[in-house]
Amino acid sequence: MDAQGPEDLGRTLRGAAENLYQELEEHFQALTATLNLKMEEMGRRLQDLQSNVDQLMVQAGITSATEKQTTGGGSPDPWNPGDGKWTRGALLTGPHRESSLTPAD
């Protein structure tokens, strides 16, 4: 058995390190792609859920259909509806009533 010199050992280690780095990079790219797909799917599901909640609110009389049409549905941020009223995400005291969290006029 021939003894390897320091240069041969260095090339072997460098090659092993480069292979390991390449494998890690491939795994990272695959993980990133998977996470991106999952995030897009979750975004679609959240949009569907928001649409269903908006439809249920109209059916329950909490939001009017005309308000839904003119505003394009509910606010993207339920805690900041932009119209000064807390209609979603707040504790409602009854249908058609504003909650106790409604900001003062």
PDB file of N, CA and C in Angstrom:
ATOM      1  N   MET A   1       0.851  -1.172   0.000  1.00  0.00           N
ATOM      2  CA  MET A   1       0.000   0.000   0.000  1.00  0.00           C
ATOM      3  C   MET A   1       0.893   1.230   0.000  1.00  0.00           C
ATOM      4  N   ASP A   2       0.629   2.110  -0.929  1.00  0.00           N
ATOM      5  CA  ASP A   2       1.416   3.336  -1.041  1.00  0.00           C
ATOM      6  C   ASP A   2       0.886   4.372  -0.063  1.00  0.00           C
ATOM      7  N   ALA A   3       1.762   5.059   0.565  1.00  0.00           N
ATOM      8  CA  ALA A   3       1.372   6.136   1.475  1.00  0.00           C
ATOM      9  C   ALA A   3       1.040   7.369   0.647  1.00  0.00           C
ATOM     10  N   GLN A   4      -0.047   8.014   1.018  1.00  0.00           N
ATOM     11  CA  GLN A   4      -0.435   9.230   0.309  1.00  0.00           C
ATOM     12  C   GLN A   4       0.356  10.407   0.868  1.00  0.00           C
ATOM     13  N   GLY A   5       0.744  11.261  -0.033  1.00  0.00           N
ATOM     14  CA  GLY A   5       1.447  12.467   0.395  1.00  0.00           C
ATOM     15  C   GLY A   5       0.447  13.507   0.856  1.00  0.00           C
ATOM     16  N   PRO A   6       0.913  14.573   1.480  1.00  0.00           N
ATOM     17  CA  PRO A   6       0.033  15.631   1.965  1.00  0.00           C
ATOM     18  C   PRO A   6      -0.792  16.280   0.847  1.00  0.00           C
ATOM     19  N   GLU A   7      -0.235  16.368  -0.342  1.00  0.00           N
ATOM     20  CA  GLU A   7      -0.981  16.976  -1.447  1.00  0.00           C
ATOM     21  C   GLU A   7      -2.136  16.073  -1.881  1.00  0.00           C
ATOM     22  N   ASP A   8      -1.884  14.772  -1.950  1.00  0.00           N
ATOM     23  CA  ASP A   8      -2.942  13.840  -2.323  1.00  0.00           C
ATOM     24  C   ASP A   8      -4.065  13.850  -1.282  1.00  0.00           C
ATOM     25  N   LEU A   9      -3.685  13.865  -0.022  1.00  0.00           N
ATOM     26  CA  LEU A   9      -4.669  13.892   1.061  1.00  0.00           C
ATOM     27  C   LEU A   9      -5.483  15.186   1.009  1.00  0.00           C
ATOM     28  N   GLY A  10      -4.809  16.292   0.721  1.00  0.00           N
ATOM     29  CA  GLY A  10      -5.498  17.589   0.613  1.00  0.00           C
ATOM     30  C   GLY A  10      -6.496  17.590  -0.529  1.00  0.00           C
ATOM     31  N   ARG A  11      -6.108  17.022  -1.693  1.00  0.00           N
ATOM     32  CA  ARG A  11      -7.041  16.956  -2.830  1.00  0.00           C
ATOM     33  C   ARG A  11      -8.239  16.075  -2.497  1.00  0.00           C
ATOM     34  N   THR A  12      -7.997  14.959  -1.810  1.00  0.00           N
ATOM     35  CA  THR A  12      -9.084  14.050  -1.430  1.00  0.00           C
ATOM     36  C   THR A  12     -10.061  14.753  -0.487  1.00  0.00           C
ATOM     37  N   LEU A  13      -9.526  15.431   0.513  1.00  0.00           N
ATOM     38  CA  LEU A  13     -10.384  16.158   1.463  1.00  0.00           C
ATOM     39  C   LEU A  13     -11.144  17.294   0.773  1.00  0.00           C
ATOM     40  N   ARG A  14     -10.465  18.012  -0.105  1.00  0.00           N
ATOM     41  CA  ARG A  14     -11.109  19.107  -0.820  1.00  0.00           C
ATOM     42  C   ARG A  14     -12.247  18.566  -1.683  1.00  0.00           C
ATOM     43  N   GLY A  15     -12.014  17.469  -2.384  1.00  0.00           N
ATOM     44  CA  GLY A  15     -13.059  16.860  -3.213  1.00  0.00           C
ATOM     45  C   GLY A  15     -14.249  16.407  -2.378  1.00  0.00           C
ATOM     46  N   ALA A  16     -13.969  15.797  -1.209  1.00  0.00           N
ATOM     47  CA  ALA A  16     -15.044  15.354  -0.319  1.00  0.00           C
ATOM     48  C   ALA A  16     -15.841  16.559   0.189  1.00  0.00           C
ATOM     49  N   ALA A  17     -15.140  17.632   0.543  1.00  0.00           N
ATOM     50  CA  ALA A  17     -15.827  18.835   1.037  1.00  0.00           C
ATOM     51  C   ALA A  17     -16.687  19.461  -0.055  1.00  0.00           C
ATOM     52  N   GLU A  18     -16.169  19.505  -1.280  1.00  0.00           N
ATOM     53  CA  GLU A  18     -16.945  20.065  -2.382  1.00  0.00           C
ATOM     54  C   GLU A  18     -18.181  19.223  -2.676  1.00  0.00           C
ATOM     55  N   ASN A  19     -18.046  17.898  -2.624  1.00  0.00           N
ATOM     56  CA  ASN A  19     -19.204  17.016  -2.828  1.00  0.00           C
ATOM     57  C   ASN A  19     -20.249  17.230  -1.742  1.00  0.00           C
ATOM     58  N   LEU A  20     -19.806  17.334  -0.498  1.00  0.00           N
ATOM     59  CA  LEU A  20     -20.728  17.564   0.611  1.00  0.00           C
ATOM     60  C   LEU A  20     -21.438  18.910   0.446  1.00  0.00           C
ATOM     61  N   TYR A  21     -20.679  19.941   0.068  1.00  0.00           N
ATOM     62  CA  TYR A  21     -21.267  21.261  -0.145  1.00  0.00           C
ATOM     63  C   TYR A  21     -22.315  21.210  -1.256  1.00  0.00           C
ATOM     64  N   GLN A  22     -22.011  20.516  -2.355  1.00  0.00           N
ATOM     65  CA  GLN A  22     -22.948  20.419  -3.466  1.00  0.00           C
ATOM     66  C   GLN A  22     -24.231  19.685  -3.041  1.00  0.00           C
ATOM     67  N   GLU A  23     -24.091  18.609  -2.270  1.00  0.00           N
ATOM     68  CA  GLU A  23     -25.268  17.883  -1.789  1.00  0.00           C
ATOM     69  C   GLU A  23     -26.119  18.761  -0.876  1.00  0.00           C
ATOM     70  N   LEU A  24     -25.458  19.492   0.015  1.00  0.00           N
ATOM     71  CA  LEU A  24     -26.194  20.392   0.907  1.00  0.00           C
ATOM     72  C   LEU A  24     -26.923  21.478   0.121  1.00  0.00           C
ATOM     73  N   GLU A  25     -26.276  22.002  -0.889  1.00  0.00           N
ATOM     74  CA  GLU A  25     -26.898  23.040  -1.713  1.00  0.00           C
ATOM     75  C   GLU A  25     -28.124  22.490  -2.447  1.00  0.00           C
ATOM     76  N   GLU A  26     -28.019  21.280  -2.971  1.00  0.00           N
ATOM     77  CA  GLU A  26     -29.156  20.653  -3.658  1.00  0.00           C
ATOM     78  C   GLU A  26     -30.313  20.414  -2.704  1.00  0.00           C
ATOM     79  N   HIS A  27     -29.999  19.935  -1.496  1.00  0.00           N
ATOM     80  CA  HIS A  27     -31.053  19.715  -0.496  1.00  0.00           C
ATOM     81  C   HIS A  27     -31.706  21.033  -0.094  1.00  0.00           C
ATOM     82  N   PHE A  28     -30.903  22.071   0.064  1.00  0.00           N
ATOM     83  CA  PHE A  28     -31.432  23.380   0.433  1.00  0.00           C
ATOM     84  C   PHE A  28     -32.346  23.922  -0.661  1.00  0.00           C
ATOM     85  N   GLN A  29     -31.946  23.789  -1.919  1.00  0.00           N
ATOM     86  CA  GLN A  29     -32.776  24.258  -3.029  1.00  0.00           C
ATOM     87  C   GLN A  29     -34.097  23.486  -3.085  1.00  0.00           C
ATOM     88  N   ALA A  30     -34.039  22.165  -2.856  1.00  0.00           N
ATOM     89  CA  ALA A  30     -35.262  21.366  -2.859  1.00  0.00           C
ATOM     90  C   ALA A  30     -36.173  21.787  -1.712  1.00  0.00           C
ATOM     91  N   LEU A  31     -35.606  22.035  -0.546  1.00  0.00           N
ATOM     92  CA  LEU A  31     -36.387  22.474   0.605  1.00  0.00           C
ATOM     93  C   LEU A  31     -37.007  23.836   0.349  1.00  0.00           C
ATOM     94  N   THR A  32     -36.249  24.742  -0.242  1.00  0.00           N
ATOM     95  CA  THR A  32     -36.759  26.078  -0.568  1.00  0.00           C
ATOM     96  C   THR A  32     -37.929  25.990  -1.546  1.00  0.00           C
ATOM     97  N   ALA A  33     -37.795  25.149  -2.571  1.00  0.00           N
ATOM     98  CA  ALA A  33     -38.879  24.988  -3.544  1.00  0.00           C
ATOM     99  C   ALA A  33     -40.120  24.423  -2.872  1.00  0.00           C
ATOM    100  N   THR A  34     -39.945  23.441  -1.999  1.00  0.00           N
ATOM    101  CA  THR A  34     -41.076  22.851  -1.291  1.00  0.00           C
ATOM    102  C   THR A  34     -41.758  23.874  -0.398  1.00  0.00           C
ATOM    103  N   LEU A  35     -40.970  24.655   0.324  1.00  0.00           N
ATOM    104  CA  LEU A  35     -41.545  25.686   1.194  1.00  0.00           C
ATOM    105  C   LEU A  35     -42.296  26.740   0.389  1.00  0.00           C
ATOM    106  N   ASN A  36     -41.760  27.141  -0.752  1.00  0.00           N
ATOM    107  CA  ASN A  36     -42.447  28.121  -1.593  1.00  0.00           C
ATOM    108  C   ASN A  36     -43.786  27.586  -2.075  1.00  0.00           C
ATOM    109  N   LEU A  37     -43.813  26.321  -2.490  1.00  0.00           N
ATOM    110  CA  LEU A  37     -45.083  25.724  -2.930  1.00  0.00           C
ATOM    111  C   LEU A  37     -46.092  25.679  -1.787  1.00  0.00           C
ATOM    112  N   LYS A  38     -45.633  25.310  -0.593  1.00  0.00           N
ATOM    113  CA  LYS A  38     -46.522  25.245   0.567  1.00  0.00           C
ATOM    114  C   LYS A  38     -47.052  26.631   0.929  1.00  0.00           C
ATOM    115  N   MET A  39     -46.199  27.645   0.838  1.00  0.00           N
ATOM    116  CA  MET A  39     -46.634  29.002   1.150  1.00  0.00           C
ATOM    117  C   MET A  39     -47.673  29.495   0.137  1.00  0.00           C
ATOM    118  N   GLU A  40     -47.466  29.189  -1.141  1.00  0.00           N
ATOM    119  CA  GLU A  40     -48.441  29.578  -2.163  1.00  0.00           C
ATOM    120  C   GLU A  40     -49.769  28.865  -1.922  1.00  0.00           C
ATOM    121  N   GLU A  41     -49.704  27.589  -1.578  1.00  0.00           N
ATOM    122  CA  GLU A  41     -50.933  26.841  -1.298  1.00  0.00           C
ATOM    123  C   GLU A  41     -51.648  27.418  -0.082  1.00  0.00           C
ATOM    124  N   MET A  42     -50.900  27.768   0.951  1.00  0.00           N
ATOM    125  CA  MET A  42     -51.508  28.348   2.138  1.00  0.00           C
ATOM    126  C   MET A  42     -52.135  29.701   1.802  1.00  0.00           C
ATOM    127  N   GLY A  43     -51.481  30.497   0.956  1.00  0.00           N
ATOM    128  CA  GLY A  43     -52.048  31.778   0.545  1.00  0.00           C
ATOM    129  C   GLY A  43     -53.372  31.601  -0.184  1.00  0.00           C
ATOM    130  N   ARG A  44     -53.425  30.610  -1.079  1.00  0.00           N
ATOM    131  CA  ARG A  44     -54.684  30.342  -1.790  1.00  0.00           C
ATOM    132  C   ARG A  44     -55.772  29.902  -0.814  1.00  0.00           C
ATOM    133  N   ARG A  45     -55.406  29.065   0.128  1.00  0.00           N
ATOM    134  CA  ARG A  45     -56.393  28.602   1.105  1.00  0.00           C
ATOM    135  C   ARG A  45     -56.890  29.750   1.985  1.00  0.00           C
ATOM    136  N   LEU A  46     -55.983  30.653   2.352  1.00  0.00           N
ATOM    137  CA  LEU A  46     -56.405  31.804   3.152  1.00  0.00           C
ATOM    138  C   LEU A  46     -57.343  32.713   2.365  1.00  0.00           C
ATOM    139  N   GLN A  47     -57.072  32.901   1.077  1.00  0.00           N
ATOM    140  CA  GLN A  47     -57.971  33.706   0.253  1.00  0.00           C
ATOM    141  C   GLN A  47     -59.343  33.047   0.147  1.00  0.00           C
ATOM    142  N   ASP A  48     -59.370  31.733  -0.025  1.00  0.00           N
ATOM    143  CA  ASP A  48     -60.644  31.011  -0.067  1.00  0.00           C
ATOM    144  C   ASP A  48     -61.383  31.148   1.258  1.00  0.00           C
ATOM    145  N   LEU A  49     -60.653  31.017   2.362  1.00  0.00           N
ATOM    146  CA  LEU A  49     -61.266  31.159   3.675  1.00  0.00           C
ATOM    147  C   LEU A  49     -61.828  32.559   3.865  1.00  0.00           C
ATOM    148  N   GLN A  50     -61.065  33.572   3.449  1.00  0.00           N
ATOM    149  CA  GLN A  50     -61.533  34.954   3.567  1.00  0.00           C
ATOM    150  C   GLN A  50     -62.808  35.161   2.759  1.00  0.00           C
ATOM    151  N   SER A  51     -62.838  34.606   1.561  1.00  0.00           N
ATOM    152  CA  SER A  51     -64.028  34.716   0.724  1.00  0.00           C
ATOM    153  C   SER A  51     -65.223  34.045   1.389  1.00  0.00           C
ATOM    154  N   ASN A  52     -65.003  32.865   1.955  1.00  0.00           N
ATOM    155  CA  ASN A  52     -66.095  32.156   2.638  1.00  0.00           C
ATOM    156  C   ASN A  52     -66.580  32.919   3.861  1.00  0.00           C
ATOM    157  N   VAL A  53     -65.656  33.507   4.617  1.00  0.00           N
ATOM    158  CA  VAL A  53     -66.041  34.291   5.793  1.00  0.00           C
ATOM    159  C   VAL A  53     -66.848  35.508   5.360  1.00  0.00           C
ATOM    160  N   ASP A  54     -66.406  36.175   4.298  1.00  0.00           N
ATOM    161  CA  ASP A  54     -67.151  37.329   3.795  1.00  0.00           C
ATOM    162  C   ASP A  54     -68.569  36.931   3.379  1.00  0.00           C
ATOM    163  N   GLN A  55     -68.692  35.809   2.684  1.00  0.00           N
ATOM    164  CA  GLN A  55     -70.020  35.342   2.260  1.00  0.00           C
ATOM    165  C   GLN A  55     -70.892  35.010   3.463  1.00  0.00           C
ATOM    166  N   LEU A  56     -70.319  34.364   4.470  1.00  0.00           N
ATOM    167  CA  LEU A  56     -71.080  34.038   5.675  1.00  0.00           C
ATOM    168  C   LEU A  56     -71.506  35.298   6.425  1.00  0.00           C
ATOM    169  N   MET A  57     -70.638  36.308   6.443  1.00  0.00           N
ATOM    170  CA  MET A  57     -70.997  37.555   7.118  1.00  0.00           C
ATOM    171  C   MET A  57     -72.159  38.240   6.401  1.00  0.00           C
ATOM    172  N   VAL A  58     -72.168  38.191   5.080  1.00  0.00           N
ATOM    173  CA  VAL A  58     -73.279  38.771   4.320  1.00  0.00           C
ATOM    174  C   VAL A  58     -74.554  37.987   4.620  1.00  0.00           C
ATOM    175  N   GLN A  59     -74.460  36.659   4.616  1.00  0.00           N
ATOM    176  CA  GLN A  59     -75.629  35.827   4.890  1.00  0.00           C
ATOM    177  C   GLN A  59     -76.155  36.058   6.301  1.00  0.00           C
ATOM    178  N   ALA A  60     -75.253  36.304   7.258  1.00  0.00           N
ATOM    179  CA  ALA A  60     -75.661  36.517   8.644  1.00  0.00           C
ATOM    180  C   ALA A  60     -76.163  37.939   8.876  1.00  0.00           C
ATOM    181  N   GLY A  61     -76.006  38.813   7.895  1.00  0.00           N
ATOM    182  CA  GLY A  61     -76.482  40.184   8.045  1.00  0.00           C
ATOM    183  C   GLY A  61     -75.490  41.083   8.765  1.00  0.00           C
ATOM    184  N   ILE A  62     -74.294  40.617   8.975  1.00  0.00           N
ATOM    185  CA  ILE A  62     -73.289  41.432   9.659  1.00  0.00           C
ATOM    186  C   ILE A  62     -72.725  42.467   8.694  1.00  0.00           C
ATOM    187  N   THR A  63     -72.605  42.111   7.447  1.00  0.00           N
ATOM    188  CA  THR A  63     -72.116  42.999   6.405  1.00  0.00           C
ATOM    189  C   THR A  63     -73.134  42.978   5.284  1.00  0.00           C
ATOM    190  N   SER A  64     -73.404  44.136   4.706  1.00  0.00           N
ATOM    191  CA  SER A  64     -74.376  44.164   3.618  1.00  0.00           C
ATOM    192  C   SER A  64     -73.727  43.758   2.312  1.00  0.00           C
ATOM    193  N   ALA A  65     -74.529  43.245   1.412  1.00  0.00           N
ATOM    194  CA  ALA A  65     -74.018  42.816   0.110  1.00  0.00           C
ATOM    195  C   ALA A  65     -73.502  44.022  -0.674  1.00  0.00           C
ATOM    196  N   THR A  66     -74.161  45.183  -0.539  1.00  0.00           N
ATOM    197  CA  THR A  66     -73.706  46.366  -1.265  1.00  0.00           C
ATOM    198  C   THR A  66     -72.358  46.824  -0.745  1.00  0.00           C
ATOM    199  N   GLU A  67     -72.141  46.723   0.574  1.00  0.00           N
ATOM    200  CA  GLU A  67     -70.839  47.082   1.138  1.00  0.00           C
ATOM    201  C   GLU A  67     -69.777  46.144   0.601  1.00  0.00           C
ATOM    202  N   LYS A  68     -70.109  44.867   0.491  1.00  0.00           N
ATOM    203  CA  LYS A  68     -69.171  43.879  -0.027  1.00  0.00           C
ATOM    204  C   LYS A  68     -68.815  44.212  -1.471  1.00  0.00           C
ATOM    205  N   GLN A  69     -69.817  44.627  -2.274  1.00  0.00           N
ATOM    206  CA  GLN A  69     -69.555  44.934  -3.678  1.00  0.00           C
ATOM    207  C   GLN A  69     -68.753  46.218  -3.831  1.00  0.00           C
ATOM    208  N   THR A  70     -69.066  47.238  -3.037  1.00  0.00           N
ATOM    209  CA  THR A  70     -68.389  48.515  -3.198  1.00  0.00           C
ATOM    210  C   THR A  70     -66.980  48.497  -2.633  1.00  0.00           C
ATOM    211  N   THR A  71     -66.757  47.694  -1.605  1.00  0.00           N
ATOM    212  CA  THR A  71     -65.425  47.664  -0.999  1.00  0.00           C
ATOM    213  C   THR A  71     -64.612  46.489  -1.498  1.00  0.00           C
ATOM    214  N   GLY A  72     -65.198  45.622  -2.293  1.00  0.00           N
ATOM    215  CA  GLY A  72     -64.463  44.457  -2.773  1.00  0.00           C
ATOM    216  C   GLY A  72     -64.374  43.380  -1.727  1.00  0.00           C
ATOM    217  N   GLY A  73     -65.292  43.381  -0.791  1.00  0.00           N
ATOM    218  CA  GLY A  73     -65.265  42.361   0.259  1.00  0.00           C
ATOM    219  C   GLY A  73     -64.731  42.963   1.529  1.00  0.00           C
ATOM    220  N   GLY A  74     -64.296  42.114   2.401  1.00  0.00           N
ATOM    221  CA  GLY A  74     -63.777  42.551   3.678  1.00  0.00           C
ATOM    222  C   GLY A  74     -62.398  43.147   3.537  1.00  0.00           C
ATOM    223  N   SER A  75     -61.989  43.767   4.584  1.00  0.00           N
ATOM    224  CA  SER A  75     -60.653  44.355   4.604  1.00  0.00           C
ATOM    225  C   SER A  75     -59.607  43.257   4.611  1.00  0.00           C
ATOM    226  N   PRO A  76     -58.464  43.472   3.954  1.00  0.00           N
ATOM    227  CA  PRO A  76     -57.415  42.474   4.022  1.00  0.00           C
ATOM    228  C   PRO A  76     -56.879  42.306   5.437  1.00  0.00           C
ATOM    229  N   ASP A  77     -56.978  43.346   6.258  1.00  0.00           N
ATOM    230  CA  ASP A  77     -56.553  43.262   7.645  1.00  0.00           C
ATOM    231  C   ASP A  77     -57.783  43.430   8.528  1.00  0.00           C
ATOM    232  N   PRO A  78     -58.255  42.341   9.171  1.00  0.00           N
ATOM    233  CA  PRO A  78     -59.489  42.428   9.942  1.00  0.00           C
ATOM    234  C   PRO A  78     -59.394  43.358  11.139  1.00  0.00           C
ATOM    235  N   TRP A  79     -58.194  43.681  11.600  1.00  0.00           N
ATOM    236  CA  TRP A  79     -58.063  44.560  12.749  1.00  0.00           C
ATOM    237  C   TRP A  79     -57.898  46.018  12.340  1.00  0.00           C
ATOM    238  N   ASN A  80     -57.844  46.282  11.045  1.00  0.00           N
ATOM    239  CA  ASN A  80     -57.726  47.653  10.568  1.00  0.00           C
ATOM    240  C   ASN A  80     -58.575  47.789   9.307  1.00  0.00           C
ATOM    241  N   PRO A  81     -59.905  47.832   9.461  1.00  0.00           N
ATOM    242  CA  PRO A  81     -60.765  47.829   8.288  1.00  0.00           C
ATOM    243  C   PRO A  81     -60.696  49.096   7.454  1.00  0.00           C
ATOM    244  N   GLY A  82     -60.146  50.163   7.970  1.00  0.00           N
ATOM    245  CA  GLY A  82     -60.000  51.367   7.184  1.00  0.00           C
ATOM    246  C   GLY A  82     -61.222  52.268   7.186  1.00  0.00           C
ATOM    247  N   ASP A  83     -62.381  51.752   7.587  1.00  0.00           N
ATOM    248  CA  ASP A  83     -63.589  52.582   7.604  1.00  0.00           C
ATOM    249  C   ASP A  83     -63.935  53.033   9.023  1.00  0.00           C
ATOM    250  N   GLY A  84     -63.075  52.721   9.986  1.00  0.00           N
ATOM    251  CA  GLY A  84     -63.310  53.157  11.353  1.00  0.00           C
ATOM    252  C   GLY A  84     -64.212  52.240  12.139  1.00  0.00           C
ATOM    253  N   LYS A  85     -64.681  51.158  11.541  1.00  0.00           N
ATOM    254  CA  LYS A  85     -65.575  50.236  12.239  1.00  0.00           C
ATOM    255  C   LYS A  85     -64.896  48.885  12.381  1.00  0.00           C
ATOM    256  N   TRP A  86     -65.132  48.255  13.488  1.00  0.00           N
ATOM    257  CA  TRP A  86     -64.605  46.916  13.738  1.00  0.00           C
ATOM    258  C   TRP A  86     -65.737  45.929  13.512  1.00  0.00           C
ATOM    259  N   THR A  87     -65.788  45.353  12.344  1.00  0.00           N
ATOM    260  CA  THR A  87     -66.881  44.429  12.053  1.00  0.00           C
ATOM    261  C   THR A  87     -66.430  42.986  12.028  1.00  0.00           C
ATOM    262  N   ARG A  88     -65.171  42.756  11.764  1.00  0.00           N
ATOM    263  CA  ARG A  88     -64.673  41.396  11.715  1.00  0.00           C
ATOM    264  C   ARG A  88     -63.521  41.286  12.692  1.00  0.00           C
ATOM    265  N   GLY A  89     -63.419  40.159  13.387  1.00  0.00           N
ATOM    266  CA  GLY A  89     -62.343  39.957  14.329  1.00  0.00           C
ATOM    267  C   GLY A  89     -62.670  40.524  15.702  1.00  0.00           C
ATOM    268  N   ALA A  90     -63.761  41.233  15.810  1.00  0.00           N
ATOM    269  CA  ALA A  90     -64.163  41.801  17.089  1.00  0.00           C
ATOM    270  C   ALA A  90     -65.280  40.965  17.683  1.00  0.00           C
ATOM    271  N   LEU A  91     -65.483  41.122  18.966  1.00  0.00           N
ATOM    272  CA  LEU A  91     -66.581  40.433  19.623  1.00  0.00           C
ATOM    273  C   LEU A  91     -67.861  41.214  19.361  1.00  0.00           C
ATOM    274  N   LEU A  92     -68.746  40.655  18.572  1.00  0.00           N
ATOM    275  CA  LEU A  92     -69.980  41.360  18.254  1.00  0.00           C
ATOM    276  C   LEU A  92     -70.989  41.138  19.368  1.00  0.00           C
ATOM    277  N   THR A  93     -71.738  42.172  19.678  1.00  0.00           N
ATOM    278  CA  THR A  93     -72.734  42.063  20.737  1.00  0.00           C
ATOM    279  C   THR A  93     -74.055  41.576  20.195  1.00  0.00           C
ATOM    280  N   GLY A  94     -74.174  41.441  18.907  1.00  0.00           N
ATOM    281  CA  GLY A  94     -75.381  40.939  18.279  1.00  0.00           C
ATOM    282  C   GLY A  94     -75.346  41.274  16.815  1.00  0.00           C
ATOM    283  N   PRO A  95     -76.217  40.634  16.026  1.00  0.00           N
ATOM    284  CA  PRO A  95     -76.205  40.955  14.602  1.00  0.00           C
ATOM    285  C   PRO A  95     -76.573  42.419  14.388  1.00  0.00           C
ATOM    286  N   HIS A  96     -75.944  43.038  13.428  1.00  0.00           N
ATOM    287  CA  HIS A  96     -76.163  44.424  13.030  1.00  0.00           C
ATOM    288  C   HIS A  96     -75.689  45.427  14.069  1.00  0.00           C
ATOM    289  N   ARG A  97     -75.067  44.976  15.128  1.00  0.00           N
ATOM    290  CA  ARG A  97     -74.571  45.906  16.141  1.00  0.00           C
ATOM    291  C   ARG A  97     -73.061  45.990  16.035  1.00  0.00           C
ATOM    292  N   GLU A  98     -72.558  47.162  16.328  1.00  0.00           N
ATOM    293  CA  GLU A  98     -71.111  47.310  16.381  1.00  0.00           C
ATOM    294  C   GLU A  98     -70.638  46.756  17.713  1.00  0.00           C
ATOM    295  N   SER A  99     -69.412  46.323  17.745  1.00  0.00           N
ATOM    296  CA  SER A  99     -68.884  45.719  18.968  1.00  0.00           C
ATOM    297  C   SER A  99     -68.456  46.794  19.950  1.00  0.00           C
ATOM    298  N   SER A 100     -68.129  46.318  21.121  1.00  0.00           N
ATOM    299  CA  SER A 100     -67.622  47.231  22.142  1.00  0.00           C
ATOM    300  C   SER A 100     -66.228  47.730  21.777  1.00  0.00           C
ATOM    301  N   LEU A 101     -65.623  47.130  20.737  1.00  0.00           N
ATOM    302  CA  LEU A 101     -64.299  47.560  20.300  1.00  0.00           C
ATOM    303  C   LEU A 101     -64.361  48.620  19.213  1.00  0.00           C
ATOM    304  N   THR A 102     -65.553  49.107  18.900  1.00  0.00           N
ATOM    305  CA  THR A 102     -65.685  50.106  17.865  1.00  0.00           C
ATOM    306  C   THR A 102     -65.034  51.405  18.335  1.00  0.00           C
ATOM    307  N   PRO A 103     -64.151  51.973  17.528  1.00  0.00           N
ATOM    308  CA  PRO A 103     -63.529  53.238  17.928  1.00  0.00           C
ATOM    309  C   PRO A 103     -64.568  54.357  18.008  1.00  0.00           C
ATOM    310  N   ALA A 104     -64.320  55.288  18.887  1.00  0.00           N
ATOM    311  CA  ALA A 104     -65.231  56.429  19.024  1.00  0.00           C
ATOM    312  C   ALA A 104     -65.180  57.304  17.782  1.00  0.00           C
ATOM    313  N   ASP A 105     -66.309  57.869  17.402  1.00  0.00           N
ATOM    314  CA  ASP A 105     -66.360  58.767  16.229  1.00  0.00           C
ATOM    315  C   ASP A 105     -65.708  60.070  16.511  1.00  0.00           C
TER     316      ASP A 105
END
